[in-house]
């Protein structure tokens, strides 16, 4: 997976900054890898910084649950390739579409 993550970072012209496998990410409780689009963003928190969700984003604490990054291989392997994007980056994908971009607002 390391090589796939490197290619994503190269494709979008950014540094390679992989999340540690044992670091935590937040995933929406309604997350379903068959529901699209799948969203992800990486903020500057002390954890991995990753938040993944489907549907509408929420800041409510009961919207989220946490898990180790390495468990994403089982839950949604398609999203794992983005986990080396640095803080401030976002992604969105479905079966035929991919968008990856830097969002300065995430780091504020």
N, C-alpha and C. Protein backbone atom coordinates (compact mmCIF):
# COMPACT_ATOMS: atom_id res chain seq x y z
N UNK A 1 0.83 -1.20 0.00
CA UNK A 1 0.00 0.00 0.00
C UNK A 1 0.87 1.26 0.00
N UNK A 2 2.04 1.16 0.59
CA UNK A 2 2.94 2.30 0.66
C UNK A 2 3.18 2.91 -0.73
N UNK A 3 3.40 2.06 -1.72
CA UNK A 3 3.67 2.56 -3.07
C UNK A 3 2.44 3.25 -3.67
N UNK A 4 1.26 2.71 -3.42
CA UNK A 4 0.02 3.33 -3.92
C UNK A 4 -0.16 4.70 -3.26
N UNK A 5 0.09 4.79 -1.96
CA UNK A 5 -0.02 6.06 -1.27
C UNK A 5 0.99 7.07 -1.80
N UNK A 6 2.20 6.62 -2.10
CA UNK A 6 3.21 7.52 -2.67
C UNK A 6 2.76 8.06 -4.03
N UNK A 7 2.17 7.20 -4.83
CA UNK A 7 1.69 7.63 -6.16
C UNK A 7 0.59 8.68 -6.03
N UNK A 8 -0.31 8.52 -5.06
CA UNK A 8 -1.36 9.53 -4.85
C UNK A 8 -0.72 10.87 -4.50
N UNK A 9 0.25 10.86 -3.59
CA UNK A 9 0.91 12.11 -3.19
C UNK A 9 1.65 12.74 -4.38
N UNK A 10 2.32 11.93 -5.17
CA UNK A 10 3.01 12.44 -6.36
C UNK A 10 2.01 13.00 -7.36
N UNK A 11 0.92 12.30 -7.56
CA UNK A 11 -0.11 12.74 -8.52
C UNK A 11 -0.62 14.14 -8.18
N UNK A 12 -0.76 14.42 -6.88
CA UNK A 12 -1.31 15.71 -6.46
C UNK A 12 -0.23 16.69 -5.99
N UNK A 13 1.04 16.32 -6.20
CA UNK A 13 2.14 17.24 -5.96
C UNK A 13 2.33 17.63 -4.51
N UNK A 14 2.19 16.68 -3.62
CA UNK A 14 2.33 16.98 -2.20
C UNK A 14 3.29 16.01 -1.52
N UNK A 15 3.67 16.33 -0.31
CA UNK A 15 4.56 15.47 0.46
C UNK A 15 3.88 14.16 0.83
N UNK A 16 4.69 13.16 1.06
CA UNK A 16 4.24 11.85 1.54
C UNK A 16 4.29 11.89 3.06
N UNK A 17 3.15 11.78 3.72
CA UNK A 17 3.06 11.90 5.17
C UNK A 17 2.09 10.83 5.70
N UNK A 18 2.51 9.58 5.69
CA UNK A 18 1.58 8.50 6.05
C UNK A 18 1.15 8.55 7.50
N UNK A 19 -0.11 8.22 7.71
CA UNK A 19 -0.63 8.08 9.08
C UNK A 19 -0.07 6.79 9.66
N UNK A 20 0.37 6.85 10.90
CA UNK A 20 0.87 5.64 11.56
C UNK A 20 -0.26 4.62 11.68
N UNK A 21 0.00 3.36 11.38
CA UNK A 21 -1.05 2.35 11.42
C UNK A 21 -1.81 2.26 12.74
N UNK A 22 -1.13 2.52 13.85
CA UNK A 22 -1.79 2.44 15.15
C UNK A 22 -2.37 3.76 15.62
N UNK A 23 -2.25 4.81 14.81
CA UNK A 23 -2.88 6.08 15.18
C UNK A 23 -4.38 5.97 14.93
N UNK A 24 -5.12 6.87 15.53
CA UNK A 24 -6.58 6.82 15.46
C UNK A 24 -7.11 7.74 14.37
N UNK A 25 -8.21 7.33 13.78
CA UNK A 25 -8.96 8.18 12.86
C UNK A 25 -10.40 8.19 13.31
N UNK A 26 -11.13 9.21 12.90
CA UNK A 26 -12.56 9.30 13.20
C UNK A 26 -13.33 8.91 11.95
N UNK A 27 -14.34 8.12 12.16
CA UNK A 27 -15.17 7.66 11.04
C UNK A 27 -16.62 7.83 11.46
N UNK A 28 -17.45 8.29 10.53
CA UNK A 28 -18.85 8.52 10.89
C UNK A 28 -19.52 7.20 11.23
N UNK A 29 -20.41 7.25 12.20
CA UNK A 29 -21.11 6.04 12.62
C UNK A 29 -21.98 5.46 11.50
N UNK A 30 -22.39 6.32 10.57
CA UNK A 30 -23.22 5.85 9.45
C UNK A 30 -22.37 5.42 8.25
N UNK A 31 -21.05 5.33 8.43
CA UNK A 31 -20.16 5.02 7.32
C UNK A 31 -20.50 3.67 6.71
N UNK A 32 -20.63 3.67 5.40
CA UNK A 32 -20.88 2.46 4.64
C UNK A 32 -20.03 2.55 3.38
N UNK A 33 -19.07 1.65 3.20
CA UNK A 33 -18.19 1.76 2.04
C UNK A 33 -18.89 1.58 0.70
N UNK A 34 -20.16 1.18 0.73
CA UNK A 34 -20.94 1.06 -0.51
C UNK A 34 -21.74 2.31 -0.79
N UNK A 35 -21.72 3.27 0.15
CA UNK A 35 -22.42 4.54 -0.04
C UNK A 35 -21.42 5.58 -0.53
N UNK A 36 -21.78 6.23 -1.60
CA UNK A 36 -20.88 7.22 -2.19
C UNK A 36 -21.56 8.56 -2.26
N UNK A 37 -20.80 9.63 -2.28
CA UNK A 37 -19.35 9.66 -2.26
C UNK A 37 -18.80 9.48 -0.86
N UNK A 38 -17.55 9.05 -0.81
CA UNK A 38 -16.83 8.93 0.45
C UNK A 38 -15.93 10.15 0.59
N UNK A 39 -16.01 10.80 1.73
CA UNK A 39 -15.25 12.02 2.01
C UNK A 39 -14.17 11.73 3.04
N UNK A 40 -13.06 12.45 2.94
CA UNK A 40 -12.02 12.40 3.96
C UNK A 40 -11.32 13.73 4.07
N UNK A 41 -10.93 14.08 5.28
CA UNK A 41 -10.10 15.27 5.49
C UNK A 41 -9.13 14.99 6.61
N UNK A 42 -7.99 15.66 6.54
CA UNK A 42 -6.96 15.49 7.57
C UNK A 42 -6.67 16.84 8.21
N UNK A 43 -7.02 16.95 9.48
CA UNK A 43 -6.79 18.21 10.19
C UNK A 43 -5.49 18.13 10.99
N UNK A 44 -5.24 19.09 11.84
CA UNK A 44 -3.98 19.12 12.57
C UNK A 44 -4.13 18.70 14.04
N UNK A 45 -5.01 17.77 14.31
CA UNK A 45 -5.17 17.25 15.67
C UNK A 45 -4.01 16.32 16.02
N UNK A 46 -3.94 15.94 17.25
CA UNK A 46 -2.84 15.10 17.74
C UNK A 46 -2.94 13.66 17.23
N UNK A 47 -4.12 13.22 16.83
CA UNK A 47 -4.27 11.86 16.30
C UNK A 47 -3.74 11.86 14.87
N UNK A 48 -4.17 10.90 14.07
CA UNK A 48 -3.77 10.90 12.66
C UNK A 48 -4.31 12.13 11.95
N UNK A 49 -5.39 12.69 12.49
CA UNK A 49 -6.01 13.85 11.87
C UNK A 49 -7.09 13.50 10.86
N UNK A 50 -7.25 12.23 10.55
CA UNK A 50 -8.20 11.82 9.52
C UNK A 50 -9.62 11.69 10.04
N UNK A 51 -10.55 12.22 9.24
CA UNK A 51 -12.00 12.07 9.44
C UNK A 51 -12.56 11.55 8.13
N UNK A 52 -13.34 10.48 8.19
CA UNK A 52 -13.97 9.90 7.01
C UNK A 52 -15.46 9.80 7.24
N UNK A 53 -16.24 10.12 6.21
CA UNK A 53 -17.68 10.07 6.35
C UNK A 53 -18.35 9.92 4.99
N UNK A 54 -19.62 9.56 5.05
CA UNK A 54 -20.51 9.58 3.90
C UNK A 54 -21.68 10.49 4.28
N UNK A 55 -22.32 11.07 3.29
CA UNK A 55 -23.42 11.98 3.58
C UNK A 55 -22.90 13.32 4.03
N UNK A 56 -23.63 13.96 4.92
CA UNK A 56 -23.28 15.29 5.40
C UNK A 56 -22.31 15.22 6.57
N UNK A 57 -21.37 16.14 6.61
CA UNK A 57 -20.41 16.26 7.70
C UNK A 57 -21.11 16.81 8.94
N UNK A 58 -20.67 16.40 10.11
CA UNK A 58 -21.23 16.91 11.35
C UNK A 58 -20.12 17.13 12.37
N UNK A 59 -20.25 18.16 13.16
CA UNK A 59 -19.29 18.41 14.25
C UNK A 59 -19.78 17.80 15.56
N UNK A 60 -20.95 17.21 15.57
CA UNK A 60 -21.50 16.59 16.77
C UNK A 60 -20.65 15.38 17.16
N UNK A 61 -20.30 15.27 18.43
CA UNK A 61 -19.44 14.18 18.88
C UNK A 61 -20.08 12.81 18.69
N UNK A 62 -21.39 12.71 18.79
CA UNK A 62 -22.03 11.40 18.64
C UNK A 62 -22.15 10.97 17.17
N UNK A 63 -21.69 11.78 16.25
CA UNK A 63 -21.66 11.44 14.82
C UNK A 63 -20.47 10.53 14.51
N UNK A 64 -19.45 10.56 15.37
CA UNK A 64 -18.17 9.91 15.09
C UNK A 64 -17.88 8.75 16.03
N UNK A 65 -17.09 7.81 15.52
CA UNK A 65 -16.46 6.80 16.35
C UNK A 65 -15.00 6.74 15.91
N UNK A 66 -14.16 6.18 16.73
CA UNK A 66 -12.73 6.14 16.40
C UNK A 66 -12.29 4.71 16.18
N UNK A 67 -11.25 4.59 15.38
CA UNK A 67 -10.63 3.29 15.15
C UNK A 67 -9.18 3.51 14.73
N UNK A 68 -8.38 2.47 14.83
CA UNK A 68 -7.00 2.55 14.37
C UNK A 68 -6.98 2.61 12.85
N UNK A 69 -6.03 3.35 12.33
CA UNK A 69 -5.93 3.51 10.87
C UNK A 69 -5.80 2.16 10.16
N UNK A 70 -5.09 1.22 10.75
CA UNK A 70 -4.89 -0.06 10.05
C UNK A 70 -6.20 -0.83 9.87
N UNK A 71 -7.23 -0.54 10.66
CA UNK A 71 -8.51 -1.22 10.48
C UNK A 71 -9.26 -0.74 9.25
N UNK A 72 -8.85 0.40 8.71
CA UNK A 72 -9.51 0.89 7.50
C UNK A 72 -9.32 -0.08 6.34
N UNK A 73 -8.25 -0.87 6.38
CA UNK A 73 -8.05 -1.90 5.34
C UNK A 73 -9.23 -2.85 5.27
N UNK A 74 -9.85 -3.13 6.40
CA UNK A 74 -10.99 -4.03 6.44
C UNK A 74 -12.30 -3.31 6.16
N UNK A 75 -12.42 -2.08 6.63
CA UNK A 75 -13.67 -1.32 6.53
C UNK A 75 -13.86 -0.71 5.15
N UNK A 76 -12.81 -0.08 4.63
CA UNK A 76 -12.90 0.59 3.33
C UNK A 76 -11.53 0.65 2.68
N UNK A 77 -11.07 -0.44 2.09
CA UNK A 77 -9.74 -0.45 1.50
C UNK A 77 -9.53 0.60 0.42
N UNK A 78 -10.58 1.03 -0.24
CA UNK A 78 -10.44 2.06 -1.28
C UNK A 78 -9.96 3.39 -0.73
N UNK A 79 -10.22 3.66 0.55
CA UNK A 79 -9.83 4.94 1.14
C UNK A 79 -8.40 4.93 1.68
N UNK A 80 -7.83 3.76 1.87
CA UNK A 80 -6.50 3.65 2.49
C UNK A 80 -5.44 4.37 1.66
N UNK A 81 -5.60 4.38 0.36
CA UNK A 81 -4.56 4.98 -0.49
C UNK A 81 -4.39 6.48 -0.26
N UNK A 82 -5.36 7.13 0.38
CA UNK A 82 -5.29 8.57 0.63
C UNK A 82 -4.65 8.92 1.97
N UNK A 83 -4.40 7.95 2.82
CA UNK A 83 -3.97 8.23 4.19
C UNK A 83 -2.54 8.74 4.34
N UNK A 84 -1.84 8.95 3.24
CA UNK A 84 -0.50 9.55 3.31
C UNK A 84 -0.52 11.01 2.88
N UNK A 85 -1.69 11.53 2.53
CA UNK A 85 -1.80 12.95 2.22
C UNK A 85 -1.55 13.75 3.50
N UNK A 86 -0.83 14.87 3.41
CA UNK A 86 -0.53 15.65 4.62
C UNK A 86 -1.76 16.34 5.20
N UNK A 87 -1.56 16.89 6.36
CA UNK A 87 -2.61 17.65 7.04
C UNK A 87 -3.03 18.83 6.18
N UNK A 88 -4.34 19.07 6.16
CA UNK A 88 -4.91 20.12 5.33
C UNK A 88 -5.45 19.62 4.00
N UNK A 89 -5.25 18.36 3.72
CA UNK A 89 -5.73 17.79 2.45
C UNK A 89 -7.06 17.08 2.64
N UNK A 90 -7.81 17.04 1.56
CA UNK A 90 -9.12 16.40 1.53
C UNK A 90 -9.22 15.49 0.32
N UNK A 91 -10.15 14.55 0.39
CA UNK A 91 -10.46 13.74 -0.78
C UNK A 91 -11.95 13.45 -0.82
N UNK A 92 -12.39 13.10 -1.99
CA UNK A 92 -13.79 12.73 -2.24
C UNK A 92 -13.74 11.76 -3.42
N UNK A 93 -14.42 10.63 -3.30
CA UNK A 93 -14.44 9.71 -4.44
C UNK A 93 -15.74 8.90 -4.44
N UNK A 94 -16.03 8.40 -5.63
CA UNK A 94 -17.08 7.40 -5.79
C UNK A 94 -16.56 6.36 -6.77
N UNK A 95 -17.44 5.60 -7.39
CA UNK A 95 -16.99 4.53 -8.27
C UNK A 95 -16.23 5.02 -9.49
N UNK A 96 -16.50 6.26 -9.95
CA UNK A 96 -15.90 6.74 -11.19
C UNK A 96 -15.22 8.09 -11.08
N UNK A 97 -15.26 8.71 -9.91
CA UNK A 97 -14.78 10.08 -9.74
C UNK A 97 -13.84 10.17 -8.55
N UNK A 98 -12.79 10.99 -8.70
CA UNK A 98 -11.87 11.24 -7.60
C UNK A 98 -11.51 12.72 -7.60
N UNK A 99 -11.55 13.33 -6.43
CA UNK A 99 -11.10 14.70 -6.27
C UNK A 99 -10.25 14.77 -5.01
N UNK A 100 -9.09 15.38 -5.12
CA UNK A 100 -8.16 15.53 -4.00
C UNK A 100 -7.68 16.97 -4.04
N UNK A 101 -7.73 17.65 -2.88
CA UNK A 101 -7.33 19.06 -2.87
C UNK A 101 -6.88 19.48 -1.48
N UNK A 102 -6.09 20.57 -1.47
CA UNK A 102 -5.63 21.17 -0.23
C UNK A 102 -6.65 22.23 0.20
N UNK A 103 -7.01 22.23 1.48
CA UNK A 103 -7.98 23.18 2.01
C UNK A 103 -7.36 23.87 3.23
N UNK A 104 -6.85 25.07 3.03
CA UNK A 104 -6.19 25.83 4.09
C UNK A 104 -7.08 26.01 5.31
N UNK A 105 -8.41 26.08 5.11
CA UNK A 105 -9.34 26.30 6.21
C UNK A 105 -9.29 25.17 7.25
N UNK A 106 -8.90 24.00 6.86
CA UNK A 106 -8.82 22.87 7.79
C UNK A 106 -7.76 23.14 8.86
N UNK A 107 -6.71 23.86 8.51
CA UNK A 107 -5.59 24.07 9.43
C UNK A 107 -5.78 25.26 10.34
N UNK A 108 -6.84 26.01 10.17
CA UNK A 108 -7.10 27.18 11.02
C UNK A 108 -7.75 26.79 12.31
